[in-house]
C-alpha atoms as a PDB file:
ATOM      1  CA  MET A   1     161.786  76.197 121.515  1.00  0.00           C
ATOM      2  CA  THR A   2     162.667  79.589 120.194  1.00  0.00           C
ATOM      3  CA  HIS A   3     160.163  82.354 119.764  1.00  0.00           C
ATOM      4  CA  ALA A   4     160.576  82.062 115.965  1.00  0.00           C
ATOM      5  CA  HIS A   5     159.732  78.314 116.055  1.00  0.00           C
ATOM      6  CA  ARG A   6     156.629  78.955 118.179  1.00  0.00           C
ATOM      7  CA  THR A   7     155.496  81.699 115.809  1.00  0.00           C
ATOM      8  CA  HIS A   8     155.966  79.443 112.787  1.00  0.00           C
ATOM      9  CA  GLU A   9     153.963  76.634 114.362  1.00  0.00           C
ATOM     10  CA  ALA A  10     151.205  79.006 115.361  1.00  0.00           C
ATOM     11  CA  LEU A  11     150.956  80.342 111.843  1.00  0.00           C
ATOM     12  CA  HIS A  12     151.038  76.800 110.425  1.00  0.00           C
ATOM     13  CA  GLY A  13     148.221  75.761 112.784  1.00  0.00           C
ATOM     14  CA  ASN A  14     146.147  78.821 111.966  1.00  0.00           C
ATOM     15  CA  ARG A  15     146.472  78.057 108.271  1.00  0.00           C
ATOM     16  CA  TRP A  16     144.938  74.606 108.749  1.00  0.00           C
ATOM     17  CA  LEU A  17     142.301  76.119 111.002  1.00  0.00           C
ATOM     18  CA  SER A  18     141.481  78.594 108.218  1.00  0.00           C
ATOM     19  CA  TRP A  19     141.075  75.755 105.725  1.00  0.00           C
ATOM     20  CA  ALA A  20     138.902  73.862 108.191  1.00  0.00           C
ATOM     21  CA  VAL A  21     136.568  76.862 108.356  1.00  0.00           C
ATOM     22  CA  LEU A  22     136.780  77.814 104.707  1.00  0.00           C
ATOM     23  CA  VAL A  23     135.974  74.423 103.125  1.00  0.00           C
ATOM     24  CA  PRO A  24     132.519  74.044 104.776  1.00  0.00           C
ATOM     25  CA  ALA A  25     131.776  77.705 103.993  1.00  0.00           C
ATOM     26  CA  VAL A  26     132.600  77.165 100.324  1.00  0.00           C
ATOM     27  CA  ALA A  27     130.444  74.043 100.303  1.00  0.00           C
ATOM     28  CA  ILE A  28     127.506  76.003 101.722  1.00  0.00           C
ATOM     29  CA  VAL A  29     127.951  78.726  99.090  1.00  0.00           C
ATOM     30  CA  LEU A  30     128.134  76.141  96.309  1.00  0.00           C
ATOM     31  CA  LEU A  31     125.003  74.396  97.589  1.00  0.00           C
ATOM     32  CA  ALA A  32     123.181  77.720  97.732  1.00  0.00           C
ATOM     33  CA  PHE A  33     124.392  78.579  94.240  1.00  0.00           C
ATOM     34  CA  GLY A  34     123.260  75.187  92.977  1.00  0.00           C
ATOM     35  CA  ARG A  35     119.852  75.680  94.569  1.00  0.00           C
ATOM     36  CA  HIS A  36     119.626  79.168  92.996  1.00  0.00           C
ATOM     37  CA  GLN A  37     120.553  77.736  89.597  1.00  0.00           C
ATOM     38  CA  ALA A  38     117.916  75.010  89.977  1.00  0.00           C
ATOM     39  CA  LEU A  39     115.291  77.612  90.788  1.00  0.00           C
ATOM     40  CA  GLY A  40     116.423  79.725  87.844  1.00  0.00           C
ATOM     41  CA  ALA A  41     116.221  76.718  85.532  1.00  0.00           C
ATOM     42  CA  ASN A  42     112.585  76.272  86.520  1.00  0.00           C
ATOM     43  CA  SER A  43     111.754  79.957  86.118  1.00  0.00           C
ATOM     44  CA  THR A  44     112.263  80.367  82.367  1.00  0.00           C
ATOM     45  CA  SER A  45     111.810  78.385  79.209  1.00  0.00           C
ATOM     46  CA  ASP A  46     114.048  78.617  76.147  1.00  0.00           C
ATOM     47  CA  TRP A  47     113.539  81.554  73.781  1.00  0.00           C
ATOM     48  CA  LYS A  48     111.498  80.667  70.706  1.00  0.00           C
ATOM     49  CA  GLY A  49     109.945  82.494  67.726  1.00  0.00           C
ATOM     50  CA  ILE A  50     111.955  84.691  65.361  1.00  0.00           C
ATOM     51  CA  PRO A  51     114.945  86.939  66.123  1.00  0.00           C
ATOM     52  CA  GLU A  52     112.850  90.067  65.528  1.00  0.00           C
ATOM     53  CA  ALA A  53     110.322  89.081  68.227  1.00  0.00           C
ATOM     54  CA  GLU A  54     111.434  86.250  70.493  1.00  0.00           C
ATOM     55  CA  VAL A  55     109.208  84.838  73.219  1.00  0.00           C
ATOM     56  CA  ARG A  56     109.700  82.672  76.301  1.00  0.00           C
ATOM     57  CA  LEU A  57     107.773  81.619  79.396  1.00  0.00           C
ATOM     58  CA  ILE A  58     108.770  82.974  82.805  1.00  0.00           C
ATOM     59  CA  ALA A  59     107.477  82.116  86.280  1.00  0.00           C
ATOM     60  CA  GLY A  60     107.665  83.653  89.717  1.00  0.00           C
ATOM     61  CA  ALA A  61     105.852  84.954  92.753  1.00  0.00           C
ATOM     62  CA  THR A  62     105.115  88.630  93.401  1.00  0.00           C
ATOM     63  CA  ALA A  63     106.014  90.385  96.639  1.00  0.00           C
ATOM     64  CA  THR A  64     102.471  89.634  97.891  1.00  0.00           C
ATOM     65  CA  GLY A  65     102.960  85.908  97.218  1.00  0.00           C
ATOM     66  CA  GLN A  66     100.784  85.698  94.098  1.00  0.00           C
ATOM     67  CA  GLU A  67     102.163  82.984  91.828  1.00  0.00           C
ATOM     68  CA  LEU A  68     102.024  83.612  88.095  1.00  0.00           C
ATOM     69  CA  ILE A  69     103.566  82.698  84.798  1.00  0.00           C
ATOM     70  CA  ALA A  70     103.943  85.073  81.847  1.00  0.00           C
ATOM     71  CA  LEU A  71     104.840  85.361  78.192  1.00  0.00           C
ATOM     72  CA  GLU A  72     107.934  87.546  77.845  1.00  0.00           C
ATOM     73  CA  PHE A  73     108.716  89.055  74.420  1.00  0.00           C
ATOM     74  CA  ALA A  74     112.033  90.607  73.399  1.00  0.00           C
ATOM     75  CA  ILE A  75     111.275  92.792  70.369  1.00  0.00           C
ATOM     76  CA  ARG A  76     113.854  94.387  68.071  1.00  0.00           C
ATOM     77  CA  PRO A  77     113.691  98.114  67.237  1.00  0.00           C
ATOM     78  CA  LYS A  78     111.038  99.045  64.613  1.00  0.00           C
ATOM     79  CA  TRP A  79     109.165  95.776  65.246  1.00  0.00           C
ATOM     80  CA  LYS A  80     106.019  95.185  67.281  1.00  0.00           C
ATOM     81  CA  VAL A  81     103.584  92.531  68.401  1.00  0.00           C
ATOM     82  CA  TYR A  82      99.851  93.134  68.858  1.00  0.00           C
ATOM     83  CA  TRP A  83      97.387  93.709  71.677  1.00  0.00           C
ATOM     84  CA  ARG A  84      94.366  91.439  72.237  1.00  0.00           C
ATOM     85  CA  SER A  85      92.484  93.688  69.774  1.00  0.00           C
ATOM     86  CA  PRO A  86      94.989  94.791  67.121  1.00  0.00           C
ATOM     87  CA  GLY A  87      92.910  97.542  65.502  1.00  0.00           C
ATOM     88  CA  ASP A  88      92.732  98.055  61.757  1.00  0.00           C
ATOM     89  CA  ALA A  89      95.288  95.298  60.993  1.00  0.00           C
ATOM     90  CA  GLY A  90      97.386  92.661  62.696  1.00  0.00           C
ATOM     91  CA  TYR A  91      96.979  89.437  64.641  1.00  0.00           C
ATOM     92  CA  PRO A  92      97.037  89.125  68.427  1.00  0.00           C
ATOM     93  CA  PRO A  93      98.905  86.391  70.350  1.00  0.00           C
ATOM     94  CA  VAL A  94      96.704  83.283  70.632  1.00  0.00           C
ATOM     95  CA  ALA A  95      97.657  80.738  73.303  1.00  0.00           C
ATOM     96  CA  ASP A  96      96.856  76.998  73.480  1.00  0.00           C
ATOM     97  CA  TRP A  97      97.727  75.460  76.882  1.00  0.00           C
ATOM     98  CA  ASP A  98      95.938  72.158  76.350  1.00  0.00           C
ATOM     99  CA  HIS A  99      99.034  69.950  76.597  1.00  0.00           C
ATOM    100  CA  SER A 100     100.108  71.228  80.033  1.00  0.00           C
ATOM    101  CA  GLU A 101     100.480  68.618  82.799  1.00  0.00           C
ATOM    102  CA  GLY A 102      99.461  69.184  86.402  1.00  0.00           C
ATOM    103  CA  VAL A 103      98.827  72.901  85.884  1.00  0.00           C
ATOM    104  CA  THR A 104      96.013  74.896  84.314  1.00  0.00           C
ATOM    105  CA  PRO A 105      96.986  78.343  82.986  1.00  0.00           C
ATOM    106  CA  GLY A 106      94.112  80.810  82.913  1.00  0.00           C
ATOM    107  CA  ALA A 107      93.428  84.231  81.459  1.00  0.00           C
ATOM    108  CA  ILE A 108      96.097  86.502  79.998  1.00  0.00           C
ATOM    109  CA  SER A 109      96.348  90.040  81.398  1.00  0.00           C
ATOM    110  CA  TRP A 110      97.002  92.717  78.792  1.00  0.00           C
ATOM    111  CA  PRO A 111      98.952  95.858  79.774  1.00  0.00           C
ATOM    112  CA  LEU A 112      97.816  99.105  78.144  1.00  0.00           C
ATOM    113  CA  PRO A 113      99.135  99.056  74.547  1.00  0.00           C
ATOM    114  CA  GLU A 114     100.762 101.727  72.438  1.00  0.00           C
ATOM    115  CA  THR A 115      98.929 103.222  69.443  1.00  0.00           C
ATOM    116  CA  PHE A 116     100.655 102.927  66.050  1.00  0.00           C
ATOM    117  CA  GLU A 117      99.763 104.800  62.847  1.00  0.00           C
ATOM    118  CA  PHE A 118     100.969 103.306  59.562  1.00  0.00           C
ATOM    119  CA  TRP A 119      99.702 104.131  56.078  1.00  0.00           C
ATOM    120  CA  GLY A 120      96.444 105.410  57.488  1.00  0.00           C
ATOM    121  CA  LEU A 121      95.920 102.321  59.640  1.00  0.00           C
ATOM    122  CA  ARG A 122      95.590 102.563  63.423  1.00  0.00           C
ATOM    123  CA  THR A 123      96.814  99.535  65.357  1.00  0.00           C
ATOM    124  CA  TYR A 124      97.503  98.706  69.014  1.00  0.00           C
ATOM    125  CA  GLY A 125     100.457  96.735  70.278  1.00  0.00           C
ATOM    126  CA  TYR A 126     103.817  96.664  71.980  1.00  0.00           C
ATOM    127  CA  ALA A 127     107.429  97.452  71.094  1.00  0.00           C
ATOM    128  CA  ASP A 128     110.837  96.691  72.685  1.00  0.00           C
ATOM    129  CA  HIS A 129     109.816  94.490  75.603  1.00  0.00           C
ATOM    130  CA  LEU A 130     106.539  92.933  76.703  1.00  0.00           C
ATOM    131  CA  VAL A 131     105.392  90.790  79.622  1.00  0.00           C
ATOM    132  CA  LEU A 132     101.881  89.249  79.436  1.00  0.00           C
ATOM    133  CA  PRO A 133     100.924  87.847  82.878  1.00  0.00           C
ATOM    134  CA  VAL A 134      98.971  84.600  82.979  1.00  0.00           C
ATOM    135  CA  ALA A 135      96.937  83.455  85.967  1.00  0.00           C
ATOM    136  CA  LEU A 136      97.341  79.891  87.265  1.00  0.00           C
ATOM    137  CA  ASP A 137      93.829  78.495  87.735  1.00  0.00           C
ATOM    138  CA  SER A 138      95.264  75.362  89.349  1.00  0.00           C
ATOM    139  CA  ARG A 139      98.640  73.730  90.007  1.00  0.00           C
ATOM    140  CA  SER A 140      99.671  70.500  91.731  1.00  0.00           C
ATOM    141  CA  ARG A 141     102.117  71.678  94.393  1.00  0.00           C
ATOM    142  CA  ASP A 142     103.312  68.263  95.618  1.00  0.00           C
ATOM    143  CA  ARG A 143     105.222  67.475  92.423  1.00  0.00           C
ATOM    144  CA  PRO A 144     106.797  69.217  89.443  1.00  0.00           C
ATOM    145  CA  THR A 145     104.332  70.291  86.758  1.00  0.00           C
ATOM    146  CA  THR A 146     104.815  71.209  83.116  1.00  0.00           C
ATOM    147  CA  VAL A 147     103.427  74.237  81.318  1.00  0.00           C
ATOM    148  CA  ARG A 148     103.202  73.627  77.565  1.00  0.00           C
ATOM    149  CA  LEU A 149     102.205  76.403  75.210  1.00  0.00           C
ATOM    150  CA  ASP A 150     101.499  76.428  71.474  1.00  0.00           C
ATOM    151  CA  LEU A 151     101.515  80.128  70.565  1.00  0.00           C
ATOM    152  CA  SER A 152     100.527  81.935  67.387  1.00  0.00           C
ATOM    153  CA  TYR A 153     101.337  85.638  66.938  1.00  0.00           C
ATOM    154  CA  ALA A 154     102.352  88.178  64.341  1.00  0.00           C
ATOM    155  CA  ALA A 155     105.498  90.305  64.409  1.00  0.00           C
ATOM    156  CA  CYS A 156     105.400  93.394  62.219  1.00  0.00           C
ATOM    157  CA  ALA A 157     107.644  96.196  60.962  1.00  0.00           C
ATOM    158  CA  ASP A 158     107.332  97.253  57.316  1.00  0.00           C
ATOM    159  CA  ILE A 159     106.156  93.676  56.771  1.00  0.00           C
ATOM    160  CA  CYS A 160     104.283  91.234  58.996  1.00  0.00           C
ATOM    161  CA  VAL A 161     105.562  87.752  59.793  1.00  0.00           C
ATOM    162  CA  PRO A 162     103.218  85.074  61.214  1.00  0.00           C
ATOM    163  CA  VAL A 163     104.970  83.120  63.960  1.00  0.00           C
ATOM    164  CA  GLU A 164     104.280  79.725  65.539  1.00  0.00           C
ATOM    165  CA  ALA A 165     106.155  78.847  68.724  1.00  0.00           C
ATOM    166  CA  SER A 166     106.003  75.840  71.073  1.00  0.00           C
ATOM    167  CA  LEU A 167     107.270  76.461  74.600  1.00  0.00           C
ATOM    168  CA  SER A 168     107.659  74.286  77.682  1.00  0.00           C
ATOM    169  CA  LEU A 169     108.410  75.196  81.295  1.00  0.00           C
ATOM    170  CA  VAL A 170     108.767  72.836  84.268  1.00  0.00           C
ATOM    171  CA  LEU A 171     107.566  74.332  87.560  1.00  0.00           C
ATOM    172  CA  SER A 172     109.116  72.943  90.749  1.00  0.00           C
ATOM    173  CA  ALA A 173     106.973  71.489  93.497  1.00  0.00           C
ATOM    174  CA  GLY A 174     106.104  73.802  96.349  1.00  0.00           C
ATOM    175  CA  ASP A 175     106.195  77.596  96.225  1.00  0.00           C
ATOM    176  CA  LEU A 176     107.383  79.478  93.154  1.00  0.00           C
ATOM    177  CA  PRO A 177     110.375  81.696  93.944  1.00  0.00           C
ATOM    178  CA  GLN A 178     110.106  85.432  94.552  1.00  0.00           C
ATOM    179  CA  ASN A 179     112.526  86.417  91.800  1.00  0.00           C
ATOM    180  CA  ARG A 180     113.073  89.122  89.206  1.00  0.00           C
ATOM    181  CA  HIS A 181     110.501  87.477  86.972  1.00  0.00           C
ATOM    182  CA  GLY A 182     107.908  87.896  89.701  1.00  0.00           C
ATOM    183  CA  VAL A 183     108.863  91.584  89.870  1.00  0.00           C
ATOM    184  CA  ALA A 184     108.459  91.953  86.093  1.00  0.00           C
ATOM    185  CA  ILE A 185     105.099  90.190  86.147  1.00  0.00           C
ATOM    186  CA  ALA A 186     103.874  92.413  88.982  1.00  0.00           C
ATOM    187  CA  ALA A 187     104.879  95.521  87.001  1.00  0.00           C
ATOM    188  CA  ALA A 188     102.943  94.246  83.972  1.00  0.00           C
ATOM    189  CA  LEU A 189      99.883  93.601  86.128  1.00  0.00           C
ATOM    190  CA  ALA A 190     100.109  97.160  87.444  1.00  0.00           C
ATOM    191  CA  ALA A 191     100.050  98.431  83.833  1.00  0.00           C
ATOM    192  CA  THR A 192      96.928  96.394  83.003  1.00  0.00           C
ATOM    193  CA  PRO A 193      93.689  98.479  82.867  1.00  0.00           C
ATOM    194  CA  ALA A 194      91.434  97.815  85.844  1.00  0.00           C
ATOM    195  CA  ARG A 195      87.852  96.774  85.138  1.00  0.00           C
ATOM    196  CA  MET A 196      85.330  99.354  86.358  1.00  0.00           C
ATOM    197  CA  PRO A 197      81.959  98.569  84.749  1.00  0.00           C
ATOM    198  CA  GLY A 198      80.241 101.607  86.281  1.00  0.00           C
ATOM    199  CA  ILE A 199      82.352 104.233  84.524  1.00  0.00           C
ATOM    200  CA  LEU A 200      80.571 103.806  81.158  1.00  0.00           C
ATOM    201  CA  HIS A 201      77.272 105.639  81.542  1.00  0.00           C
ATOM    202  CA  SER A 202      76.231 105.419  77.902  1.00  0.00           C
ATOM    203  CA  ALA A 203      77.431 104.518  74.395  1.00  0.00           C
ATOM    204  CA  ARG A 204      75.199 105.885  71.631  1.00  0.00           C
ATOM    205  CA  LEU A 205      75.581 105.624  67.860  1.00  0.00           C
ATOM    206  CA  SER A 206      74.587 108.584  65.737  1.00  0.00           C
ATOM    207  CA  HIS A 207      74.023 107.317  62.197  1.00  0.00           C
ATOM    208  CA  THR A 208      71.946 108.376  59.213  1.00  0.00           C
ATOM    209  CA  SER A 209      70.465 105.385  57.398  1.00  0.00           C
ATOM    210  CA  GLY A 210      72.037 104.896  53.968  1.00  0.00           C
ATOM    211  CA  GLU A 211      75.422 106.372  54.953  1.00  0.00           C
ATOM    212  CA  ASP A 212      78.636 104.445  55.570  1.00  0.00           C
ATOM    213  CA  ARG A 213      79.805 106.549  58.501  1.00  0.00           C
ATOM    214  CA  GLY A 214      78.485 107.160  61.998  1.00  0.00           C
ATOM    215  CA  LEU A 215      79.625 108.710  65.269  1.00  0.00           C
ATOM    216  CA  LEU A 216      79.928 106.805  68.556  1.00  0.00           C
ATOM    217  CA  LEU A 217      79.212 109.081  71.534  1.00  0.00           C
ATOM    218  CA  LEU A 218      80.502 107.964  74.928  1.00  0.00           C
ATOM    219  CA  ASP A 219      79.710 109.348  78.358  1.00  0.00           C
ATOM    220  CA  LEU A 220      82.152 108.222  81.027  1.00  0.00           C
ATOM    221  CA  ALA A 221      82.593 108.926  84.737  1.00  0.00           C
ATOM    222  CA  PRO A 222      86.073 107.863  85.915  1.00  0.00           C
ATOM    223  CA  PRO A 223      86.753 107.964  89.683  1.00  0.00           C
ATOM    224  CA  PHE A 224      89.858 110.143  89.264  1.00  0.00           C
ATOM    225  CA  ASP A 225      91.281 112.819  86.977  1.00  0.00           C
ATOM    226  CA  LEU A 226      92.906 111.448  83.811  1.00  0.00           C
ATOM    227  CA  GLY A 227      94.392 114.685  82.495  1.00  0.00           C
ATOM    228  CA  SER A 228      94.060 114.462  78.712  1.00  0.00           C
ATOM    229  CA  PRO A 229      91.834 111.368  78.299  1.00  0.00           C
ATOM    230  CA  ALA A 230      91.710 109.003  75.326  1.00  0.00           C
ATOM    231  CA  VAL A 231      89.845 105.801  74.573  1.00  0.00           C
ATOM    232  CA  ILE A 232      90.419 102.526  72.735  1.00  0.00           C
ATOM    233  CA  ILE A 233      87.253 100.872  71.426  1.00  0.00           C
ATOM    234  CA  GLU A 234      86.828  97.108  70.977  1.00  0.00           C
ATOM    235  CA  GLY A 235      83.651  96.018  69.284  1.00  0.00           C
ATOM    236  CA  SER A 236      82.282  94.683  66.027  1.00  0.00           C
ATOM    237  CA  ARG A 237      84.968  93.631  63.560  1.00  0.00           C
ATOM    238  CA  ASP A 238      82.653  94.719  60.698  1.00  0.00           C
ATOM    239  CA  VAL A 239      83.331  98.409  61.401  1.00  0.00           C
ATOM    240  CA  VAL A 240      86.410 100.569  61.898  1.00  0.00           C
ATOM    241  CA  PHE A 241      86.649 102.841  64.939  1.00  0.00           C
ATOM    242  CA  GLY A 242      88.530 106.035  64.091  1.00  0.00           C
ATOM    243  CA  GLU A 243      90.544 108.544  66.081  1.00  0.00           C
ATOM    244  CA  ASP A 244      88.757 109.609  69.255  1.00  0.00           C
ATOM    245  CA  GLU A 245      88.170 113.139  70.532  1.00  0.00           C
ATOM    246  CA  CYS A 246      87.669 113.221  74.310  1.00  0.00           C
ATOM    247  CA  HIS A 247      87.251 116.120  76.684  1.00  0.00           C
ATOM    248  CA  THR A 248      86.142 116.728  80.242  1.00  0.00           C
ATOM    249  CA  THR A 249      82.671 118.225  80.372  1.00  0.00           C
ATOM    250  CA  THR A 250      82.324 118.654  84.145  1.00  0.00           C
ATOM    251  CA  PRO A 251      84.532 117.410  86.988  1.00  0.00           C
ATOM    252  CA  GLY A 252      84.402 113.617  86.897  1.00  0.00           C
ATOM    253  CA  ARG A 253      82.609 113.423  83.519  1.00  0.00           C
ATOM    254  CA  ILE A 254      84.167 112.784  80.110  1.00  0.00           C
ATOM    255  CA  ARG A 255      82.529 112.913  76.654  1.00  0.00           C
ATOM    256  CA  CYS A 256      84.191 111.144  73.706  1.00  0.00           C
ATOM    257  CA  ALA A 257      83.254 111.160  70.028  1.00  0.00           C
ATOM    258  CA  VAL A 258      84.621 108.332  67.900  1.00  0.00           C
ATOM    259  CA  PRO A 259      84.067 108.117  64.099  1.00  0.00           C
ATOM    260  CA  VAL A 260      82.811 104.721  62.945  1.00  0.00           C
ATOM    261  CA  ASP A 261      83.250 103.570  59.320  1.00  0.00           C
ATOM    262  CA  GLY A 262      81.590 100.570  57.760  1.00  0.00           C
ATOM    263  CA  SER A 263      78.847  99.498  55.430  1.00  0.00           C
ATOM    264  CA  ASN A 264      75.373 100.827  56.080  1.00  0.00           C
ATOM    265  CA  GLN A 265      74.337  97.265  57.011  1.00  0.00           C
ATOM    266  CA  ALA A 266      77.174  96.937  59.550  1.00  0.00           C
ATOM    267  CA  LEU A 267      76.343 100.308  61.109  1.00  0.00           C
ATOM    268  CA  LEU A 268      72.647  99.418  61.357  1.00  0.00           C
ATOM    269  CA  ALA A 269      73.644  96.241  63.209  1.00  0.00           C
ATOM    270  CA  LEU A 270      75.875  98.060  65.704  1.00  0.00           C
ATOM    271  CA  PRO A 271      73.138  99.204  68.186  1.00  0.00           C
ATOM    272  CA  GLY A 272      72.533  96.363  70.604  1.00  0.00           C
ATOM    273  CA  SER A 273      76.073  94.984  70.248  1.00  0.00           C
ATOM    274  CA  GLU A 274      78.648  94.860  73.050  1.00  0.00           C
ATOM    275  CA  LEU A 275      81.789  96.953  73.145  1.00  0.00           C
ATOM    276  CA  THR A 276      84.715  97.423  75.522  1.00  0.00           C
ATOM    277  CA  VAL A 277      86.046 100.899  76.226  1.00  0.00           C
ATOM    278  CA  THR A 278      89.570 101.350  77.601  1.00  0.00           C
ATOM    279  CA  LEU A 279      89.980 104.825  79.070  1.00  0.00           C
ATOM    280  CA  HIS A 280      93.504 106.132  79.689  1.00  0.00           C
ATOM    281  CA  GLY A 281      95.452 109.315  80.277  1.00  0.00           C
ATOM    282  CA  THR A 282      97.549 110.215  83.307  1.00  0.00           C
ATOM    283  CA  GLY A 283      97.361 107.648  86.085  1.00  0.00           C
ATOM    284  CA  PRO A 284      96.037 104.092  85.844  1.00  0.00           C
ATOM    285  CA  ALA A 285      94.037 103.000  82.787  1.00  0.00           C
ATOM    286  CA  ILE A 286      90.539 101.583  83.308  1.00  0.00           C
ATOM    287  CA  GLU A 287      88.073  99.686  81.159  1.00  0.00           C
ATOM    288  CA  ALA A 288      84.360  98.948  81.010  1.00  0.00           C
ATOM    289  CA  THR A 289      81.990  96.950  78.832  1.00  0.00           C
ATOM    290  CA  GLY A 290      78.618  98.220  77.635  1.00  0.00           C
ATOM    291  CA  THR A 291      75.919  97.963  74.994  1.00  0.00           C
ATOM    292  CA  VAL A 292      75.667 100.376  72.060  1.00  0.00           C
ATOM    293  CA  GLN A 293      72.374 102.252  71.981  1.00  0.00           C
ATOM    294  CA  PRO A 294      70.854 104.107  68.994  1.00  0.00           C
ATOM    295  CA  ASP A 295      71.016 107.913  69.304  1.00  0.00           C
ATOM    296  CA  GLN A 296      67.751 109.394  70.549  1.00  0.00           C
END
């Protein structure tokens, strides 16, 4: 046999050897791709809502292994959706999970919102993109489970549109994947104000009987410097909390004055009521709940 014939046969044999190695490798890649696609299919629902503010469910595990679902909004420019307390106008997302099977979604976490001013109205909400993490209070891990959500929310630009959306997401048995959705949910959790009840030392209302305006005076003691601090007030819906003025009085102490407008009756009823203060500036935002006291 000539050298040329031996070379040809060697090459011919190597070609079949290459195919013998390549075919199983391709099969492994396709199986892995199929598994990835299956995981992806169980990590998002379809988009629902309106084109100006679409919403879907996403699911995943964070780097620490915490398993969560979330509402993800894709919001067109000039449009917004609202925070849990929308301010002077608007309607927050309201979730009904009652038809879920094998899984019990819990509380929604609310990242710090933006402040919007429009025609003299101050509102709080989100633009562009929003992820609202949702805790899983319980989940059957030995079988697939189904998250079902009936969601009501408002999307606003120059006009407001009420939206109703029904979403469904099947979660695979076993662990939820550590995927990009888990990363997005973890980032939204990091942007959610931390609860620190001890930071609100006092909340006092200064109000002259017979007048329709008062002044809410807050004394706060955050555990770190916030730079230029500001507050968002959630309280009685019978009054309107105006633009705050906050300043640092001594290291670690902040004083805020917030105008409060409402009927004389509503202002007289404010002392003794509960309010939530969200304090933000540079660094993480924090929140605390307290009781309004009359000014001494």
